[in-house]
């Protein structure tokens, strides 16, 4: 809102810079802050990312199903990245 963080469409316009970098996008189906179209546009522009739409969640990272998805995504990224992604140092 009010261009406080990034310019409009800045992430999508620069998504080519993410080529070859794996990622996991977690998005709540009922998110009223960030429309689902934004997550699908990012996924379309970032083919190395997976998109997980959480069917019973909104925007908050404190919702149980979002927490579960974020923990699973973190564990999956550790597996994908191997030792590079080892969070233990």
Protein backbone atom coordinates (compact mmCIF):
# COMPACT_ATOMS: atom_id res chain seq x y z
CA UNK A 1 0.00 0.00 0.00
CA UNK A 2 1.29 3.49 -0.85
CA UNK A 3 4.43 1.99 -2.46
CA UNK A 4 5.88 1.50 1.01
CA UNK A 5 7.97 -1.54 0.13
CA UNK A 6 8.24 -2.14 -3.61
CA UNK A 7 7.07 -0.53 -6.81
CA UNK A 8 3.90 -1.93 -8.42
CA UNK A 9 4.67 -5.25 -10.14
CA UNK A 10 8.38 -4.94 -9.22
CA UNK A 11 8.70 -8.56 -8.16
CA UNK A 12 6.92 -9.92 -11.25
CA UNK A 13 8.89 -7.65 -13.58
CA UNK A 14 12.15 -8.91 -12.08
CA UNK A 15 11.17 -12.55 -11.64
CA UNK A 16 13.57 -13.57 -14.41
CA UNK A 17 16.32 -12.99 -11.85
CA UNK A 18 14.92 -15.95 -9.90
CA UNK A 19 15.58 -18.41 -12.75
CA UNK A 20 17.25 -21.54 -11.44
CA UNK A 21 16.40 -20.74 -7.81
CA UNK A 22 13.89 -23.14 -6.24
CA UNK A 23 11.11 -21.76 -4.11
CA UNK A 24 7.79 -22.55 -2.53
CA UNK A 25 4.97 -20.02 -2.57
CA UNK A 26 2.41 -20.44 0.23
CA UNK A 27 -0.87 -18.60 -0.26
CA UNK A 28 -4.12 -18.74 1.71
CA UNK A 29 -7.23 -19.17 -0.42
CA UNK A 30 -9.12 -16.61 1.64
CA UNK A 31 -6.31 -14.03 1.73
CA UNK A 32 -8.00 -10.64 1.37
CA UNK A 33 -4.75 -8.67 1.71
CA UNK A 34 -2.89 -10.24 -1.22
CA UNK A 35 -5.20 -11.55 -3.95
CA UNK A 36 -4.67 -15.08 -5.24
CA UNK A 37 -3.98 -13.59 -8.69
CA UNK A 38 -0.70 -12.23 -7.29
CA UNK A 39 0.46 -15.68 -6.22
CA UNK A 40 -0.48 -17.26 -9.54
CA UNK A 41 1.24 -14.46 -11.48
CA UNK A 42 4.42 -14.97 -9.43
CA UNK A 43 4.24 -18.72 -9.99
CA UNK A 44 3.80 -18.18 -13.74
CA UNK A 45 6.83 -15.86 -13.78
CA UNK A 46 8.95 -18.13 -11.54
CA UNK A 47 8.80 -21.64 -13.01
CA UNK A 48 11.26 -23.06 -10.46
CA UNK A 49 8.79 -22.38 -7.65
CA UNK A 50 5.95 -24.55 -6.40
CA UNK A 51 2.63 -22.91 -5.54
CA UNK A 52 0.67 -24.24 -2.57
CA UNK A 53 -2.78 -22.75 -2.07
CA UNK A 54 -3.96 -23.40 1.46
CA UNK A 55 -7.69 -23.97 1.17
CA UNK A 56 -8.79 -23.05 4.68
CA UNK A 57 -6.51 -20.08 5.35
CA UNK A 58 -6.27 -16.36 4.82
CA UNK A 59 -3.29 -14.03 5.11
CA UNK A 60 -2.02 -14.63 8.64
CA UNK A 61 1.07 -16.72 9.28
CA UNK A 62 -0.49 -17.56 12.66
CA UNK A 63 -3.25 -19.72 11.15
CA UNK A 64 -2.64 -23.41 11.90
CA UNK A 65 -2.78 -24.57 8.28
CA UNK A 66 -0.42 -21.80 7.16
CA UNK A 67 1.99 -22.71 9.96
CA UNK A 68 1.89 -26.36 8.84
CA UNK A 69 2.51 -25.35 5.20
CA UNK A 70 5.40 -23.06 6.13
CA UNK A 71 7.08 -25.73 8.28
CA UNK A 72 6.64 -28.34 5.52
CA UNK A 73 7.97 -25.90 2.91
CA UNK A 74 11.01 -25.15 5.09
CA UNK A 75 11.73 -28.85 5.53
CA UNK A 76 11.24 -29.44 1.79
CA UNK A 77 13.67 -26.64 0.94
CA UNK A 78 16.29 -28.17 3.24
CA UNK A 79 15.91 -31.44 1.32
CA UNK A 80 16.01 -29.65 -2.05
CA UNK A 81 19.09 -27.63 -1.19
CA UNK A 82 20.92 -30.44 0.60
CA UNK A 83 23.85 -29.28 2.70
CA UNK A 84 23.56 -25.76 1.30
CA UNK A 85 20.20 -25.49 3.04
CA UNK A 86 21.22 -27.05 6.33
CA UNK A 87 19.79 -24.63 8.88
CA UNK A 88 22.00 -26.03 11.63
CA UNK A 89 25.07 -24.30 10.21
